């Protein structure tokens, strides 16, 4: 299998993976799937994917740098009442082909992003999950700390959640430990994947470049 960084040439395959994965999800009803399609936000994000031996994209995750608290709130459609150190790396659009679920492929991509942040100025890694999700205990063992997100302001959304939304956070102070632990929980050895030369450096460079660009725009 291969791990790669996505670009517009892989957009259609990423779209199909997202649609199939989200339609198969059982913890929410989605009223409008258009938000899953490759868009301008994808163009300014770092997206990783795993390809099986047949060349089919089977797992993907997106990372985006945000430097304003209001942007984080808008991104997750939540209200944040605690102080937040920025910039933050937002992980979302995690999806895996239903035939590969349970193999912790998203955990591989999560590990790569956590490790990449060691060489950046990112202060927090953030994501949201639905309460009761099976991956929460593994994520907690990696270093995520979860709290219920304030969604009381929501009046209309593409999601109709049957559970509470949790905001997960890894602070920079534990990035080194989280990078180690996130590798220990993998079901696969990373050495088993085909990864191009300079792959890890390219992820860090992409994230740090987004930090610099976002900061200069403030």
C-alpha atoms as a PDB file:
ATOM      1  CA  UNK A   1       0.000   0.000   0.000  1.00  0.00           C
ATOM      2  CA  UNK A   2       1.014   3.617  -0.497  1.00  0.00           C
ATOM      3  CA  UNK A   3       0.662   6.847   1.482  1.00  0.00           C
ATOM      4  CA  UNK A   4       0.534  10.063  -0.520  1.00  0.00           C
ATOM      5  CA  UNK A   5      -0.324  13.761  -0.336  1.00  0.00           C
ATOM      6  CA  UNK A   6      -3.474  14.532  -2.328  1.00  0.00           C
ATOM      7  CA  UNK A   7      -3.742  17.142  -5.071  1.00  0.00           C
ATOM      8  CA  UNK A   8      -6.483  18.199  -7.533  1.00  0.00           C
ATOM      9  CA  UNK A   9      -5.689  15.194  -9.746  1.00  0.00           C
ATOM     10  CA  UNK A  10      -6.938  12.880  -6.984  1.00  0.00           C
ATOM     11  CA  UNK A  11      -9.947  15.059  -6.096  1.00  0.00           C
ATOM     12  CA  UNK A  12     -12.571  12.856  -7.748  1.00  0.00           C
ATOM     13  CA  UNK A  13     -11.308   9.723  -5.987  1.00  0.00           C
ATOM     14  CA  UNK A  14     -11.280  11.584  -2.668  1.00  0.00           C
ATOM     15  CA  UNK A  15     -14.843  12.768  -3.338  1.00  0.00           C
ATOM     16  CA  UNK A  16     -16.065   9.225  -3.936  1.00  0.00           C
ATOM     17  CA  UNK A  17     -14.349   7.918  -0.819  1.00  0.00           C
ATOM     18  CA  UNK A  18     -15.866  10.669   1.325  1.00  0.00           C
ATOM     19  CA  UNK A  19     -19.361  10.144  -0.052  1.00  0.00           C
ATOM     20  CA  UNK A  20     -19.311   6.373   0.384  1.00  0.00           C
ATOM     21  CA  UNK A  21     -17.807   6.573   3.870  1.00  0.00           C
ATOM     22  CA  UNK A  22     -20.178   9.242   5.178  1.00  0.00           C
ATOM     23  CA  UNK A  23     -23.237   7.528   3.697  1.00  0.00           C
ATOM     24  CA  UNK A  24     -22.246   4.338   5.506  1.00  0.00           C
ATOM     25  CA  UNK A  25     -21.850   6.149   8.848  1.00  0.00           C
ATOM     26  CA  UNK A  26     -24.511   5.270  11.407  1.00  0.00           C
ATOM     27  CA  UNK A  27     -24.097   8.016  14.008  1.00  0.00           C
ATOM     28  CA  UNK A  28     -25.593  10.916  12.042  1.00  0.00           C
ATOM     29  CA  UNK A  29     -28.111  11.730   9.338  1.00  0.00           C
ATOM     30  CA  UNK A  30     -26.640  13.965   6.623  1.00  0.00           C
ATOM     31  CA  UNK A  31     -29.135  16.175   4.823  1.00  0.00           C
ATOM     32  CA  UNK A  32     -26.756  17.612   2.221  1.00  0.00           C
ATOM     33  CA  UNK A  33     -23.602  15.862   1.011  1.00  0.00           C
ATOM     34  CA  UNK A  34     -22.281  18.727  -1.114  1.00  0.00           C
ATOM     35  CA  UNK A  35     -19.896  19.861   1.639  1.00  0.00           C
ATOM     36  CA  UNK A  36     -17.868  16.689   1.076  1.00  0.00           C
ATOM     37  CA  UNK A  37     -16.832  17.578  -2.460  1.00  0.00           C
ATOM     38  CA  UNK A  38     -13.336  18.909  -3.111  1.00  0.00           C
ATOM     39  CA  UNK A  39     -13.464  22.704  -2.819  1.00  0.00           C
ATOM     40  CA  UNK A  40     -11.344  25.804  -2.163  1.00  0.00           C
ATOM     41  CA  UNK A  41     -10.724  24.702   1.413  1.00  0.00           C
ATOM     42  CA  UNK A  42      -9.189  21.475   0.164  1.00  0.00           C
ATOM     43  CA  UNK A  43      -6.896  23.498  -2.085  1.00  0.00           C
ATOM     44  CA  UNK A  44      -5.445  25.295   0.956  1.00  0.00           C
ATOM     45  CA  UNK A  45      -5.260  22.199   3.179  1.00  0.00           C
ATOM     46  CA  UNK A  46      -2.894  19.250   3.469  1.00  0.00           C
ATOM     47  CA  UNK A  47      -4.719  16.036   2.605  1.00  0.00           C
ATOM     48  CA  UNK A  48      -3.177  12.616   3.070  1.00  0.00           C
ATOM     49  CA  UNK A  49      -4.503   9.381   1.617  1.00  0.00           C
ATOM     50  CA  UNK A  50      -3.763   5.670   1.661  1.00  0.00           C
ATOM     51  CA  UNK A  51      -3.951   3.674  -1.552  1.00  0.00           C
ATOM     52  CA  UNK A  52      -4.309  -0.118  -1.596  1.00  0.00           C
ATOM     53  CA  UNK A  53      -2.305  -2.473  -3.779  1.00  0.00           C
ATOM     54  CA  UNK A  54      -4.881  -2.129  -6.559  1.00  0.00           C
ATOM     55  CA  UNK A  55      -4.450   1.647  -6.686  1.00  0.00           C
ATOM     56  CA  UNK A  56      -7.762   2.440  -4.960  1.00  0.00           C
ATOM     57  CA  UNK A  57      -7.842   5.242  -2.368  1.00  0.00           C
ATOM     58  CA  UNK A  58      -9.153   3.627   0.821  1.00  0.00           C
ATOM     59  CA  UNK A  59      -8.540   6.214   3.547  1.00  0.00           C
ATOM     60  CA  UNK A  60      -8.044   9.971   3.740  1.00  0.00           C
ATOM     61  CA  UNK A  61      -7.746  12.837   6.225  1.00  0.00           C
ATOM     62  CA  UNK A  62      -7.531  16.611   5.850  1.00  0.00           C
ATOM     63  CA  UNK A  63      -5.521  19.094   7.916  1.00  0.00           C
ATOM     64  CA  UNK A  64      -5.927  22.852   7.892  1.00  0.00           C
ATOM     65  CA  UNK A  65      -4.149  25.578   9.875  1.00  0.00           C
ATOM     66  CA  UNK A  66      -6.334  28.200  11.557  1.00  0.00           C
ATOM     67  CA  UNK A  67      -5.048  31.239  13.442  1.00  0.00           C
ATOM     68  CA  UNK A  68      -8.273  32.778  14.783  1.00  0.00           C
ATOM     69  CA  UNK A  69     -10.580  31.429  17.451  1.00  0.00           C
ATOM     70  CA  UNK A  70     -13.615  32.571  15.464  1.00  0.00           C
ATOM     71  CA  UNK A  71     -12.373  30.566  12.496  1.00  0.00           C
ATOM     72  CA  UNK A  72     -12.109  27.454  14.653  1.00  0.00           C
ATOM     73  CA  UNK A  73     -15.638  27.992  15.940  1.00  0.00           C
ATOM     74  CA  UNK A  74     -16.958  28.481  12.418  1.00  0.00           C
ATOM     75  CA  UNK A  75     -15.086  25.440  11.176  1.00  0.00           C
ATOM     76  CA  UNK A  76     -16.625  23.105  13.746  1.00  0.00           C
ATOM     77  CA  UNK A  77     -19.858  25.099  14.143  1.00  0.00           C
ATOM     78  CA  UNK A  78     -19.348  25.252  17.916  1.00  0.00           C
ATOM     79  CA  UNK A  79     -18.787  27.905  20.587  1.00  0.00           C
ATOM     80  CA  UNK A  80     -15.522  27.861  22.538  1.00  0.00           C
ATOM     81  CA  UNK A  81     -15.496  29.397  26.013  1.00  0.00           C
ATOM     82  CA  UNK A  82     -11.932  28.556  27.037  1.00  0.00           C
ATOM     83  CA  UNK A  83      -8.737  30.273  25.930  1.00  0.00           C
ATOM     84  CA  UNK A  84      -7.147  28.618  22.915  1.00  0.00           C
ATOM     85  CA  UNK A  85      -3.498  28.869  21.920  1.00  0.00           C
ATOM     86  CA  UNK A  86      -3.120  29.407  18.192  1.00  0.00           C
ATOM     87  CA  UNK A  87      -2.288  28.517  15.485  1.00  0.00           C
ATOM     88  CA  UNK A  88      -4.169  25.231  15.575  1.00  0.00           C
ATOM     89  CA  UNK A  89      -4.138  22.334  13.150  1.00  0.00           C
ATOM     90  CA  UNK A  90      -7.671  21.169  12.415  1.00  0.00           C
ATOM     91  CA  UNK A  91      -8.072  17.520  11.436  1.00  0.00           C
ATOM     92  CA  UNK A  92     -11.292  16.648   9.628  1.00  0.00           C
ATOM     93  CA  UNK A  93     -12.821  14.747   6.697  1.00  0.00           C
ATOM     94  CA  UNK A  94     -11.388  11.513   8.075  1.00  0.00           C
ATOM     95  CA  UNK A  95     -12.884   8.674   6.074  1.00  0.00           C
ATOM     96  CA  UNK A  96     -12.107   5.040   5.320  1.00  0.00           C
ATOM     97  CA  UNK A  97     -13.527   2.566   2.843  1.00  0.00           C
ATOM     98  CA  UNK A  98     -16.041   0.445   4.746  1.00  0.00           C
ATOM     99  CA  UNK A  99     -14.159  -2.742   3.759  1.00  0.00           C
ATOM    100  CA  UNK A 100     -11.090  -1.483   5.631  1.00  0.00           C
ATOM    101  CA  UNK A 101     -12.763  -0.227   8.781  1.00  0.00           C
ATOM    102  CA  UNK A 102     -11.281  -1.563  11.982  1.00  0.00           C
ATOM    103  CA  UNK A 103      -7.752  -1.513  10.565  1.00  0.00           C
ATOM    104  CA  UNK A 104      -6.966   1.889  12.124  1.00  0.00           C
ATOM    105  CA  UNK A 105      -6.004   3.474   8.815  1.00  0.00           C
ATOM    106  CA  UNK A 106      -7.148   6.882  10.071  1.00  0.00           C
ATOM    107  CA  UNK A 107      -4.831   6.354  13.038  1.00  0.00           C
ATOM    108  CA  UNK A 108      -1.918   6.120  10.596  1.00  0.00           C
ATOM    109  CA  UNK A 109      -2.789   9.449   9.013  1.00  0.00           C
ATOM    110  CA  UNK A 110      -3.383  10.999  12.440  1.00  0.00           C
ATOM    111  CA  UNK A 111       0.071   9.826  13.533  1.00  0.00           C
ATOM    112  CA  UNK A 112       1.697  11.383  10.477  1.00  0.00           C
ATOM    113  CA  UNK A 113       0.061  14.757  11.131  1.00  0.00           C
ATOM    114  CA  UNK A 114       0.969  14.704  14.835  1.00  0.00           C
ATOM    115  CA  UNK A 115       4.585  13.863  14.005  1.00  0.00           C
ATOM    116  CA  UNK A 116       4.732  16.572  11.337  1.00  0.00           C
ATOM    117  CA  UNK A 117       3.646  19.200  13.867  1.00  0.00           C
ATOM    118  CA  UNK A 118       6.809  18.635  15.927  1.00  0.00           C
ATOM    119  CA  UNK A 119       8.720  20.793  13.445  1.00  0.00           C
ATOM    120  CA  UNK A 120       6.122  23.562  13.176  1.00  0.00           C
ATOM    121  CA  UNK A 121       4.727  26.419  15.257  1.00  0.00           C
ATOM    122  CA  UNK A 122       1.355  24.712  15.682  1.00  0.00           C
ATOM    123  CA  UNK A 123       0.162  25.024  19.297  1.00  0.00           C
ATOM    124  CA  UNK A 124      -2.824  22.673  19.294  1.00  0.00           C
ATOM    125  CA  UNK A 125      -4.256  19.846  17.207  1.00  0.00           C
ATOM    126  CA  UNK A 126      -8.056  19.842  17.200  1.00  0.00           C
ATOM    127  CA  UNK A 127     -10.804  17.564  15.945  1.00  0.00           C
ATOM    128  CA  UNK A 128     -14.421  16.736  16.716  1.00  0.00           C
ATOM    129  CA  UNK A 129     -16.063  13.346  17.179  1.00  0.00           C
ATOM    130  CA  UNK A 130     -19.485  12.150  18.178  1.00  0.00           C
ATOM    131  CA  UNK A 131     -19.785  10.974  21.774  1.00  0.00           C
ATOM    132  CA  UNK A 132     -19.571   7.202  21.952  1.00  0.00           C
ATOM    133  CA  UNK A 133     -17.392   6.791  18.852  1.00  0.00           C
ATOM    134  CA  UNK A 134     -15.335   3.600  19.036  1.00  0.00           C
ATOM    135  CA  UNK A 135     -12.065   5.432  18.278  1.00  0.00           C
ATOM    136  CA  UNK A 136     -12.258   7.707  21.338  1.00  0.00           C
ATOM    137  CA  UNK A 137     -10.411   5.386  23.792  1.00  0.00           C
ATOM    138  CA  UNK A 138      -7.523   4.941  21.341  1.00  0.00           C
ATOM    139  CA  UNK A 139      -7.366   8.691  20.722  1.00  0.00           C
ATOM    140  CA  UNK A 140      -7.351   9.335  24.469  1.00  0.00           C
ATOM    141  CA  UNK A 141      -4.459   6.919  24.886  1.00  0.00           C
ATOM    142  CA  UNK A 142      -2.571   8.923  22.257  1.00  0.00           C
ATOM    143  CA  UNK A 143      -3.068  12.158  24.178  1.00  0.00           C
ATOM    144  CA  UNK A 144      -6.354  13.687  23.060  1.00  0.00           C
ATOM    145  CA  UNK A 145      -8.403  15.355  25.768  1.00  0.00           C
ATOM    146  CA  UNK A 146     -12.127  15.542  25.047  1.00  0.00           C
ATOM    147  CA  UNK A 147     -14.845  17.858  26.298  1.00  0.00           C
ATOM    148  CA  UNK A 148     -18.430  18.345  25.218  1.00  0.00           C
ATOM    149  CA  UNK A 149     -18.695  21.035  22.554  1.00  0.00           C
ATOM    150  CA  UNK A 150     -21.228  23.834  22.866  1.00  0.00           C
ATOM    151  CA  UNK A 151     -23.636  23.405  19.941  1.00  0.00           C
ATOM    152  CA  UNK A 152     -26.551  25.200  21.598  1.00  0.00           C
ATOM    153  CA  UNK A 153     -26.496  27.956  18.968  1.00  0.00           C
ATOM    154  CA  UNK A 154     -27.191  25.609  16.080  1.00  0.00           C
ATOM    155  CA  UNK A 155     -30.547  26.069  14.389  1.00  0.00           C
ATOM    156  CA  UNK A 156     -29.939  24.312  11.082  1.00  0.00           C
ATOM    157  CA  UNK A 157     -27.135  22.031  10.005  1.00  0.00           C
ATOM    158  CA  UNK A 158     -26.357  19.459   7.343  1.00  0.00           C
ATOM    159  CA  UNK A 159     -25.964  16.959  10.189  1.00  0.00           C
ATOM    160  CA  UNK A 160     -28.702  15.626  12.446  1.00  0.00           C
ATOM    161  CA  UNK A 161     -26.587  14.117  15.207  1.00  0.00           C
ATOM    162  CA  UNK A 162     -28.023  11.445  17.446  1.00  0.00           C
ATOM    163  CA  UNK A 163     -25.243  12.049  19.978  1.00  0.00           C
ATOM    164  CA  UNK A 164     -23.332  14.894  21.586  1.00  0.00           C
ATOM    165  CA  UNK A 165     -20.353  16.425  19.832  1.00  0.00           C
ATOM    166  CA  UNK A 166     -16.970  16.250  21.568  1.00  0.00           C
ATOM    167  CA  UNK A 167     -14.031  18.554  20.900  1.00  0.00           C
ATOM    168  CA  UNK A 168     -10.696  16.756  21.067  1.00  0.00           C
ATOM    169  CA  UNK A 169      -7.410  18.541  21.666  1.00  0.00           C
ATOM    170  CA  UNK A 170      -3.688  17.723  21.844  1.00  0.00           C
ATOM    171  CA  UNK A 171      -1.586  20.559  23.240  1.00  0.00           C
ATOM    172  CA  UNK A 172       1.901  21.198  21.926  1.00  0.00           C
ATOM    173  CA  UNK A 173       3.422  20.331  25.301  1.00  0.00           C
ATOM    174  CA  UNK A 174       2.649  16.654  24.679  1.00  0.00           C
ATOM    175  CA  UNK A 175       3.313  16.478  20.914  1.00  0.00           C
ATOM    176  CA  UNK A 176       6.493  14.389  21.435  1.00  0.00           C
ATOM    177  CA  UNK A 177       4.712  11.805  23.609  1.00  0.00           C
ATOM    178  CA  UNK A 178       1.662  11.825  21.320  1.00  0.00           C
ATOM    179  CA  UNK A 179       3.862  11.180  18.279  1.00  0.00           C
ATOM    180  CA  UNK A 180       5.383   8.132  19.979  1.00  0.00           C
ATOM    181  CA  UNK A 181       2.134   6.789  21.362  1.00  0.00           C
ATOM    182  CA  UNK A 182       0.206   7.356  18.120  1.00  0.00           C
ATOM    183  CA  UNK A 183       2.681   5.067  16.363  1.00  0.00           C
ATOM    184  CA  UNK A 184       2.451   2.387  19.050  1.00  0.00           C
ATOM    185  CA  UNK A 185      -1.331   1.975  18.583  1.00  0.00           C
ATOM    186  CA  UNK A 186      -1.111   1.280  14.828  1.00  0.00           C
ATOM    187  CA  UNK A 187      -2.186  -2.071  13.430  1.00  0.00           C
ATOM    188  CA  UNK A 188       0.335  -1.732  10.582  1.00  0.00           C
ATOM    189  CA  UNK A 189       4.060  -1.113  10.526  1.00  0.00           C
ATOM    190  CA  UNK A 190       4.744   2.096   8.603  1.00  0.00           C
ATOM    191  CA  UNK A 191       7.650   0.354   6.914  1.00  0.00           C
ATOM    192  CA  UNK A 192       5.091  -1.775   5.068  1.00  0.00           C
ATOM    193  CA  UNK A 193       3.862   1.276   3.147  1.00  0.00           C
ATOM    194  CA  UNK A 194       5.418   2.768   0.040  1.00  0.00           C
ATOM    195  CA  UNK A 195       6.262   6.380   0.922  1.00  0.00           C
ATOM    196  CA  UNK A 196       8.101   8.690  -1.469  1.00  0.00           C
ATOM    197  CA  UNK A 197      11.371  10.363  -0.481  1.00  0.00           C
ATOM    198  CA  UNK A 198      10.897  13.615   1.416  1.00  0.00           C
ATOM    199  CA  UNK A 199       7.299  12.730   2.322  1.00  0.00           C
ATOM    200  CA  UNK A 200       7.564  13.570   6.026  1.00  0.00           C
ATOM    201  CA  UNK A 201       9.449  16.795   5.379  1.00  0.00           C
ATOM    202  CA  UNK A 202       6.847  17.819   2.805  1.00  0.00           C
ATOM    203  CA  UNK A 203       4.009  17.445   5.323  1.00  0.00           C
ATOM    204  CA  UNK A 204       5.812  19.590   7.911  1.00  0.00           C
ATOM    205  CA  UNK A 205       6.764  22.136   5.244  1.00  0.00           C
ATOM    206  CA  UNK A 206       3.190  22.342   4.013  1.00  0.00           C
ATOM    207  CA  UNK A 207       1.836  22.881   7.532  1.00  0.00           C
ATOM    208  CA  UNK A 208       4.489  25.441   8.505  1.00  0.00           C
ATOM    209  CA  UNK A 209       3.965  27.316   5.233  1.00  0.00           C
ATOM    210  CA  UNK A 210       0.249  27.509   6.044  1.00  0.00           C
ATOM    211  CA  UNK A 211       1.132  28.837   9.528  1.00  0.00           C
ATOM    212  CA  UNK A 212       3.340  31.548   8.021  1.00  0.00           C
ATOM    213  CA  UNK A 213       0.803  32.495   5.362  1.00  0.00           C
ATOM    214  CA  UNK A 214      -2.091  32.657   7.834  1.00  0.00           C
ATOM    215  CA  UNK A 215      -0.055  34.651  10.367  1.00  0.00           C
ATOM    216  CA  UNK A 216       1.097  37.209   7.798  1.00  0.00           C
ATOM    217  CA  UNK A 217      -2.528  37.756   6.778  1.00  0.00           C
ATOM    218  CA  UNK A 218      -3.557  38.792  10.295  1.00  0.00           C
END
